[in-house]
């Protein structure tokens, strides 16, 4: 697998939130991390990003062990991250947000910005508008585009559809499918489990900080026990 985390164990203040969690995602795949509130989903993502110190486990990117790398160095290695909140600069324009997304990139970024406007056409119309004036769905498009400015190999998303309407949720998932087509490995934490699995190649379900179930999106969607316990029947 292109990006993998093995036996992640860690937490805060000496208390483990995740225990021996493992995840894998390849380029051109969408993989979802699901589970009830408090299951450790976002904690696991922070551990993979290097924001959380691990007691045990390792993180591998393209065959390289990056467990000891700082977050900024993991980003330089090819990982990009969209947090659930505070994921854009509201006081900057759409164009300026994209420019900020490329702060680790050397050289001319104009071609990459044009690619983002092609991928997210609504932003082309609003490139000079303050990001804080956009709708929730449009802000999320800016956040996704900003994260893609570094041309990452792995895109990590923490609750990308949190707080948006069902229509906007469908639009965001459509954008994520388009990102997958760029041969990017997409790993996302999601509360809208059924809809996430519908677009996911594979998924993991955490319960109390541990891997409880894993499998293809179709398998997890159609398993009676999983559907009853985690997908609302």
C-alpha atoms as a PDB file:
ATOM      1  CA  UNK A   1       0.000   0.000   0.000  1.00  0.00           C
ATOM      2  CA  UNK A   2       1.170   3.519  -0.739  1.00  0.00           C
ATOM      3  CA  UNK A   3       0.283   4.953   2.688  1.00  0.00           C
ATOM      4  CA  UNK A   4      -0.152   2.842   5.778  1.00  0.00           C
ATOM      5  CA  UNK A   5      -0.325   3.119   9.537  1.00  0.00           C
ATOM      6  CA  UNK A   6       0.350   0.050  11.629  1.00  0.00           C
ATOM      7  CA  UNK A   7      -0.573  -0.647  15.255  1.00  0.00           C
ATOM      8  CA  UNK A   8      -0.988   3.001  16.240  1.00  0.00           C
ATOM      9  CA  UNK A   9      -1.297   3.414  20.004  1.00  0.00           C
ATOM     10  CA  UNK A  10      -1.437   6.784  21.747  1.00  0.00           C
ATOM     11  CA  UNK A  11      -3.535   9.495  23.314  1.00  0.00           C
ATOM     12  CA  UNK A  12      -3.384  12.500  25.598  1.00  0.00           C
ATOM     13  CA  UNK A  13      -2.068  12.881  29.119  1.00  0.00           C
ATOM     14  CA  UNK A  14      -1.025   9.274  29.398  1.00  0.00           C
ATOM     15  CA  UNK A  15      -4.455   7.911  28.456  1.00  0.00           C
ATOM     16  CA  UNK A  16      -4.637   5.904  25.232  1.00  0.00           C
ATOM     17  CA  UNK A  17      -7.407   6.980  22.836  1.00  0.00           C
ATOM     18  CA  UNK A  18      -6.372   4.602  20.075  1.00  0.00           C
ATOM     19  CA  UNK A  19      -5.043   1.066  20.561  1.00  0.00           C
ATOM     20  CA  UNK A  20      -3.223  -0.870  17.830  1.00  0.00           C
ATOM     21  CA  UNK A  21      -5.108   0.841  14.998  1.00  0.00           C
ATOM     22  CA  UNK A  22      -4.040   0.064  11.442  1.00  0.00           C
ATOM     23  CA  UNK A  23      -5.063   1.647   8.116  1.00  0.00           C
ATOM     24  CA  UNK A  24      -3.982   1.411   4.482  1.00  0.00           C
ATOM     25  CA  UNK A  25      -4.766   3.435   1.371  1.00  0.00           C
ATOM     26  CA  UNK A  26      -3.332   3.267  -2.117  1.00  0.00           C
ATOM     27  CA  UNK A  27      -3.081   5.963  -4.750  1.00  0.00           C
ATOM     28  CA  UNK A  28      -6.350   6.313  -6.625  1.00  0.00           C
ATOM     29  CA  UNK A  29      -8.358   4.976  -3.672  1.00  0.00           C
ATOM     30  CA  UNK A  30     -10.833   6.499  -1.246  1.00  0.00           C
ATOM     31  CA  UNK A  31     -10.721   4.939   2.213  1.00  0.00           C
ATOM     32  CA  UNK A  32     -13.049   6.004   5.034  1.00  0.00           C
ATOM     33  CA  UNK A  33     -12.489   5.792   8.788  1.00  0.00           C
ATOM     34  CA  UNK A  34     -15.859   5.484  10.479  1.00  0.00           C
ATOM     35  CA  UNK A  35     -17.300   4.851  13.919  1.00  0.00           C
ATOM     36  CA  UNK A  36     -19.371   6.375  16.717  1.00  0.00           C
ATOM     37  CA  UNK A  37     -18.480   9.626  18.450  1.00  0.00           C
ATOM     38  CA  UNK A  38     -15.460   9.167  20.687  1.00  0.00           C
ATOM     39  CA  UNK A  39     -14.209   6.119  18.793  1.00  0.00           C
ATOM     40  CA  UNK A  40     -10.827   7.764  18.126  1.00  0.00           C
ATOM     41  CA  UNK A  41     -11.227   8.557  14.425  1.00  0.00           C
ATOM     42  CA  UNK A  42      -9.805  12.089  14.482  1.00  0.00           C
ATOM     43  CA  UNK A  43      -7.150  11.045  17.001  1.00  0.00           C
ATOM     44  CA  UNK A  44      -5.981   8.350  14.598  1.00  0.00           C
ATOM     45  CA  UNK A  45      -5.733  10.917  11.808  1.00  0.00           C
ATOM     46  CA  UNK A  46      -3.720  13.272  14.038  1.00  0.00           C
ATOM     47  CA  UNK A  47      -1.387  10.400  14.845  1.00  0.00           C
ATOM     48  CA  UNK A  48      -0.806   9.752  11.145  1.00  0.00           C
ATOM     49  CA  UNK A  49      -0.072  13.449  10.648  1.00  0.00           C
ATOM     50  CA  UNK A  50       2.447  13.548  13.470  1.00  0.00           C
ATOM     51  CA  UNK A  51       0.347  15.907  15.611  1.00  0.00           C
ATOM     52  CA  UNK A  52      -0.046  13.219  18.272  1.00  0.00           C
ATOM     53  CA  UNK A  53       2.944  11.454  19.778  1.00  0.00           C
ATOM     54  CA  UNK A  54       2.674   7.702  19.499  1.00  0.00           C
ATOM     55  CA  UNK A  55       3.531   5.199  22.186  1.00  0.00           C
ATOM     56  CA  UNK A  56       3.654   2.440  19.590  1.00  0.00           C
ATOM     57  CA  UNK A  57       3.181   1.992  15.862  1.00  0.00           C
ATOM     58  CA  UNK A  58       4.618   3.268  12.613  1.00  0.00           C
ATOM     59  CA  UNK A  59       3.542   5.301   9.604  1.00  0.00           C
ATOM     60  CA  UNK A  60       4.807   4.386   6.135  1.00  0.00           C
ATOM     61  CA  UNK A  61       4.599   6.600   3.024  1.00  0.00           C
ATOM     62  CA  UNK A  62       5.692   5.136  -0.317  1.00  0.00           C
ATOM     63  CA  UNK A  63       7.896   2.593   1.416  1.00  0.00           C
ATOM     64  CA  UNK A  64       9.523   5.164   3.721  1.00  0.00           C
ATOM     65  CA  UNK A  65       9.068   5.118   7.478  1.00  0.00           C
ATOM     66  CA  UNK A  66       7.968   8.656   8.420  1.00  0.00           C
ATOM     67  CA  UNK A  67       7.021   7.908  12.032  1.00  0.00           C
ATOM     68  CA  UNK A  68       9.703  10.204  13.423  1.00  0.00           C
ATOM     69  CA  UNK A  69       9.077  13.075  10.996  1.00  0.00           C
ATOM     70  CA  UNK A  70       7.460  16.294  12.163  1.00  0.00           C
ATOM     71  CA  UNK A  71       4.126  17.292  10.647  1.00  0.00           C
ATOM     72  CA  UNK A  72       5.680  19.854   8.289  1.00  0.00           C
ATOM     73  CA  UNK A  73       8.141  17.270   6.985  1.00  0.00           C
ATOM     74  CA  UNK A  74       5.315  14.792   6.393  1.00  0.00           C
ATOM     75  CA  UNK A  75       3.570  17.452   4.322  1.00  0.00           C
ATOM     76  CA  UNK A  76       6.762  17.969   2.341  1.00  0.00           C
ATOM     77  CA  UNK A  77       6.861  14.197   1.782  1.00  0.00           C
ATOM     78  CA  UNK A  78       3.490  14.290   0.031  1.00  0.00           C
ATOM     79  CA  UNK A  79       0.681  14.418   2.615  1.00  0.00           C
ATOM     80  CA  UNK A  80      -1.929  17.166   2.736  1.00  0.00           C
ATOM     81  CA  UNK A  81      -4.661  17.650   5.346  1.00  0.00           C
ATOM     82  CA  UNK A  82      -8.017  19.419   5.521  1.00  0.00           C
ATOM     83  CA  UNK A  83      -9.187  19.832   9.129  1.00  0.00           C
ATOM     84  CA  UNK A  84     -12.859  19.924  10.016  1.00  0.00           C
ATOM     85  CA  UNK A  85     -12.799  23.571  11.164  1.00  0.00           C
ATOM     86  CA  UNK A  86     -10.611  26.604  10.503  1.00  0.00           C
ATOM     87  CA  UNK A  87      -9.582  25.118   7.174  1.00  0.00           C
ATOM     88  CA  UNK A  88      -9.515  28.365   5.147  1.00  0.00           C
ATOM     89  CA  UNK A  89      -8.333  31.935   5.649  1.00  0.00           C
ATOM     90  CA  UNK A  90     -11.640  33.775   5.781  1.00  0.00           C
ATOM     91  CA  UNK A  91     -10.045  37.230   5.560  1.00  0.00           C
ATOM     92  CA  UNK A  92      -8.208  36.354   2.325  1.00  0.00           C
ATOM     93  CA  UNK A  93      -9.624  35.993  -1.184  1.00  0.00           C
ATOM     94  CA  UNK A  94     -10.061  32.631  -2.871  1.00  0.00           C
ATOM     95  CA  UNK A  95      -6.954  33.297  -4.965  1.00  0.00           C
ATOM     96  CA  UNK A  96      -4.923  34.232  -1.889  1.00  0.00           C
ATOM     97  CA  UNK A  97      -6.045  31.057  -0.120  1.00  0.00           C
ATOM     98  CA  UNK A  98      -4.679  29.004  -3.001  1.00  0.00           C
ATOM     99  CA  UNK A  99      -1.430  30.926  -2.909  1.00  0.00           C
ATOM    100  CA  UNK A 100      -1.142  30.249   0.835  1.00  0.00           C
ATOM    101  CA  UNK A 101      -1.695  26.560   0.148  1.00  0.00           C
ATOM    102  CA  UNK A 102       1.465  26.546  -1.944  1.00  0.00           C
ATOM    103  CA  UNK A 103       3.713  28.078   0.721  1.00  0.00           C
ATOM    104  CA  UNK A 104       5.960  24.996   0.726  1.00  0.00           C
ATOM    105  CA  UNK A 105       6.135  24.916  -3.078  1.00  0.00           C
ATOM    106  CA  UNK A 106       9.075  26.351  -4.993  1.00  0.00           C
ATOM    107  CA  UNK A 107       8.681  27.968  -8.403  1.00  0.00           C
ATOM    108  CA  UNK A 108       5.730  29.239 -10.414  1.00  0.00           C
ATOM    109  CA  UNK A 109       2.338  28.135  -9.079  1.00  0.00           C
ATOM    110  CA  UNK A 110       0.127  29.785 -11.694  1.00  0.00           C
ATOM    111  CA  UNK A 111      -0.401  26.552 -13.654  1.00  0.00           C
ATOM    112  CA  UNK A 112      -1.404  24.704 -10.487  1.00  0.00           C
ATOM    113  CA  UNK A 113      -3.892  27.461  -9.617  1.00  0.00           C
ATOM    114  CA  UNK A 114      -5.454  27.137 -13.072  1.00  0.00           C
ATOM    115  CA  UNK A 115      -5.780  23.388 -12.498  1.00  0.00           C
ATOM    116  CA  UNK A 116      -7.655  24.102  -9.265  1.00  0.00           C
ATOM    117  CA  UNK A 117     -10.039  26.463 -11.050  1.00  0.00           C
ATOM    118  CA  UNK A 118     -10.668  23.731 -13.623  1.00  0.00           C
ATOM    119  CA  UNK A 119     -11.305  21.184 -10.875  1.00  0.00           C
ATOM    120  CA  UNK A 120     -13.554  23.571  -8.887  1.00  0.00           C
ATOM    121  CA  UNK A 121     -15.194  25.840 -11.523  1.00  0.00           C
ATOM    122  CA  UNK A 122     -17.235  27.898  -9.034  1.00  0.00           C
ATOM    123  CA  UNK A 123     -13.976  29.207  -7.551  1.00  0.00           C
ATOM    124  CA  UNK A 124     -12.933  30.657 -10.876  1.00  0.00           C
ATOM    125  CA  UNK A 125     -15.950  32.945 -10.708  1.00  0.00           C
ATOM    126  CA  UNK A 126     -15.156  33.950  -7.133  1.00  0.00           C
ATOM    127  CA  UNK A 127     -11.369  34.114  -7.143  1.00  0.00           C
ATOM    128  CA  UNK A 128     -11.311  37.746  -5.976  1.00  0.00           C
ATOM    129  CA  UNK A 129     -14.016  37.288  -3.343  1.00  0.00           C
ATOM    130  CA  UNK A 130     -13.187  36.967   0.347  1.00  0.00           C
ATOM    131  CA  UNK A 131     -13.396  33.316   1.336  1.00  0.00           C
ATOM    132  CA  UNK A 132     -15.344  34.277   4.457  1.00  0.00           C
ATOM    133  CA  UNK A 133     -18.210  35.502   2.265  1.00  0.00           C
ATOM    134  CA  UNK A 134     -18.696  32.130   0.565  1.00  0.00           C
ATOM    135  CA  UNK A 135     -21.325  29.517   1.369  1.00  0.00           C
ATOM    136  CA  UNK A 136     -20.370  26.478   3.445  1.00  0.00           C
ATOM    137  CA  UNK A 137     -20.058  24.240   0.406  1.00  0.00           C
ATOM    138  CA  UNK A 138     -17.969  26.790  -1.466  1.00  0.00           C
ATOM    139  CA  UNK A 139     -15.676  27.233   1.534  1.00  0.00           C
ATOM    140  CA  UNK A 140     -15.105  23.495   1.596  1.00  0.00           C
ATOM    141  CA  UNK A 141     -14.149  23.582  -2.078  1.00  0.00           C
ATOM    142  CA  UNK A 142     -11.590  26.281  -1.259  1.00  0.00           C
ATOM    143  CA  UNK A 143     -10.255  24.117   1.576  1.00  0.00           C
ATOM    144  CA  UNK A 144      -9.912  21.116  -0.739  1.00  0.00           C
ATOM    145  CA  UNK A 145      -8.245  23.168  -3.471  1.00  0.00           C
ATOM    146  CA  UNK A 146      -5.861  24.803  -1.003  1.00  0.00           C
ATOM    147  CA  UNK A 147      -4.823  21.348   0.255  1.00  0.00           C
ATOM    148  CA  UNK A 148      -4.204  20.191  -3.316  1.00  0.00           C
ATOM    149  CA  UNK A 149      -1.896  23.105  -4.162  1.00  0.00           C
ATOM    150  CA  UNK A 150       1.143  21.106  -2.995  1.00  0.00           C
ATOM    151  CA  UNK A 151       0.233  18.334  -5.474  1.00  0.00           C
ATOM    152  CA  UNK A 152       0.048  15.742  -2.675  1.00  0.00           C
ATOM    153  CA  UNK A 153       0.075  11.994  -3.069  1.00  0.00           C
ATOM    154  CA  UNK A 154      -2.114  11.549   0.043  1.00  0.00           C
ATOM    155  CA  UNK A 155      -5.063  13.769   0.974  1.00  0.00           C
ATOM    156  CA  UNK A 156      -6.413  13.417   4.502  1.00  0.00           C
ATOM    157  CA  UNK A 157      -9.874  14.833   5.265  1.00  0.00           C
ATOM    158  CA  UNK A 158     -11.396  15.234   8.717  1.00  0.00           C
ATOM    159  CA  UNK A 159     -15.206  15.333   8.473  1.00  0.00           C
ATOM    160  CA  UNK A 160     -15.368  17.019   5.043  1.00  0.00           C
ATOM    161  CA  UNK A 161     -19.201  17.157   5.053  1.00  0.00           C
ATOM    162  CA  UNK A 162     -19.721  18.291   8.649  1.00  0.00           C
ATOM    163  CA  UNK A 163     -22.501  20.830   9.029  1.00  0.00           C
ATOM    164  CA  UNK A 164     -23.596  21.010   5.385  1.00  0.00           C
ATOM    165  CA  UNK A 165     -26.941  20.171   3.796  1.00  0.00           C
ATOM    166  CA  UNK A 166     -27.531  16.812   2.071  1.00  0.00           C
ATOM    167  CA  UNK A 167     -27.340  18.504  -1.334  1.00  0.00           C
ATOM    168  CA  UNK A 168     -24.005  20.128  -0.515  1.00  0.00           C
ATOM    169  CA  UNK A 169     -22.765  16.850   0.976  1.00  0.00           C
ATOM    170  CA  UNK A 170     -23.413  15.116  -2.356  1.00  0.00           C
ATOM    171  CA  UNK A 171     -21.507  17.889  -4.156  1.00  0.00           C
ATOM    172  CA  UNK A 172     -18.524  17.556  -1.824  1.00  0.00           C
ATOM    173  CA  UNK A 173     -18.414  13.784  -2.263  1.00  0.00           C
ATOM    174  CA  UNK A 174     -18.537  14.313  -6.039  1.00  0.00           C
ATOM    175  CA  UNK A 175     -15.497  16.576  -5.757  1.00  0.00           C
ATOM    176  CA  UNK A 176     -13.711  13.934  -3.678  1.00  0.00           C
ATOM    177  CA  UNK A 177     -14.407  11.361  -6.402  1.00  0.00           C
ATOM    178  CA  UNK A 178     -12.860  13.758  -8.928  1.00  0.00           C
ATOM    179  CA  UNK A 179      -9.809  14.167  -6.700  1.00  0.00           C
ATOM    180  CA  UNK A 180      -9.439  10.374  -6.614  1.00  0.00           C
ATOM    181  CA  UNK A 181      -9.180  10.439 -10.413  1.00  0.00           C
ATOM    182  CA  UNK A 182      -5.977  12.493 -10.034  1.00  0.00           C
ATOM    183  CA  UNK A 183      -4.378   9.272  -8.661  1.00  0.00           C
ATOM    184  CA  UNK A 184      -4.380  10.706  -5.153  1.00  0.00           C
ATOM    185  CA  UNK A 185      -4.847   8.491  -2.099  1.00  0.00           C
ATOM    186  CA  UNK A 186      -7.802   9.896  -0.140  1.00  0.00           C
ATOM    187  CA  UNK A 187      -8.202   8.978   3.521  1.00  0.00           C
ATOM    188  CA  UNK A 188     -11.165  10.558   5.279  1.00  0.00           C
ATOM    189  CA  UNK A 189     -12.851  10.527   8.652  1.00  0.00           C
ATOM    190  CA  UNK A 190     -16.633  10.819   8.184  1.00  0.00           C
ATOM    191  CA  UNK A 191     -19.773  10.846  10.329  1.00  0.00           C
ATOM    192  CA  UNK A 192     -22.081  10.327   7.333  1.00  0.00           C
ATOM    193  CA  UNK A 193     -21.090   6.679   7.196  1.00  0.00           C
ATOM    194  CA  UNK A 194     -23.545   5.340   4.646  1.00  0.00           C
ATOM    195  CA  UNK A 195     -22.834   8.086   2.106  1.00  0.00           C
ATOM    196  CA  UNK A 196     -19.079   7.848   2.698  1.00  0.00           C
ATOM    197  CA  UNK A 197     -19.039   4.092   2.116  1.00  0.00           C
ATOM    198  CA  UNK A 198     -21.029   4.594  -1.051  1.00  0.00           C
ATOM    199  CA  UNK A 199     -18.021   6.371  -2.632  1.00  0.00           C
ATOM    200  CA  UNK A 200     -15.269   4.509  -0.766  1.00  0.00           C
ATOM    201  CA  UNK A 201     -13.195   1.667  -2.119  1.00  0.00           C
ATOM    202  CA  UNK A 202     -12.638   0.433   1.422  1.00  0.00           C
ATOM    203  CA  UNK A 203     -13.464   1.411   4.964  1.00  0.00           C
ATOM    204  CA  UNK A 204     -12.470   0.914   8.586  1.00  0.00           C
ATOM    205  CA  UNK A 205     -14.848   1.091  11.539  1.00  0.00           C
ATOM    206  CA  UNK A 206     -13.361   1.990  14.911  1.00  0.00           C
ATOM    207  CA  UNK A 207     -14.988   1.171  18.247  1.00  0.00           C
ATOM    208  CA  UNK A 208     -13.438   2.483  21.487  1.00  0.00           C
ATOM    209  CA  UNK A 209     -10.161   3.211  19.746  1.00  0.00           C
ATOM    210  CA  UNK A 210      -9.677  -0.138  18.040  1.00  0.00           C
ATOM    211  CA  UNK A 211     -10.266  -1.579  14.575  1.00  0.00           C
ATOM    212  CA  UNK A 212     -13.608  -3.373  14.800  1.00  0.00           C
ATOM    213  CA  UNK A 213     -14.431  -3.969  11.126  1.00  0.00           C
ATOM    214  CA  UNK A 214     -12.782  -3.392   7.787  1.00  0.00           C
ATOM    215  CA  UNK A 215     -13.535  -4.252   4.186  1.00  0.00           C
ATOM    216  CA  UNK A 216     -14.721  -2.917   0.874  1.00  0.00           C
ATOM    217  CA  UNK A 217     -17.340  -0.170   0.842  1.00  0.00           C
ATOM    218  CA  UNK A 218     -19.892  -2.623  -0.552  1.00  0.00           C
ATOM    219  CA  UNK A 219     -19.145  -5.231   2.109  1.00  0.00           C
ATOM    220  CA  UNK A 220     -19.509  -2.785   4.995  1.00  0.00           C
ATOM    221  CA  UNK A 221     -22.687  -1.330   3.509  1.00  0.00           C
ATOM    222  CA  UNK A 222     -24.328  -4.718   3.077  1.00  0.00           C
ATOM    223  CA  UNK A 223     -23.273  -6.555   6.215  1.00  0.00           C
ATOM    224  CA  UNK A 224     -26.401  -6.896   8.389  1.00  0.00           C
ATOM    225  CA  UNK A 225     -24.626  -6.489  11.738  1.00  0.00           C
ATOM    226  CA  UNK A 226     -22.636  -3.459  10.603  1.00  0.00           C
ATOM    227  CA  UNK A 227     -25.655  -1.860   8.998  1.00  0.00           C
ATOM    228  CA  UNK A 228     -27.724  -2.338  12.132  1.00  0.00           C
ATOM    229  CA  UNK A 229     -25.037  -1.095  14.533  1.00  0.00           C
ATOM    230  CA  UNK A 230     -23.452   1.778  12.599  1.00  0.00           C
ATOM    231  CA  UNK A 231     -25.543   2.693   9.575  1.00  0.00           C
ATOM    232  CA  UNK A 232     -28.967   3.182  11.058  1.00  0.00           C
ATOM    233  CA  UNK A 233     -30.573  -0.110  10.115  1.00  0.00           C
END
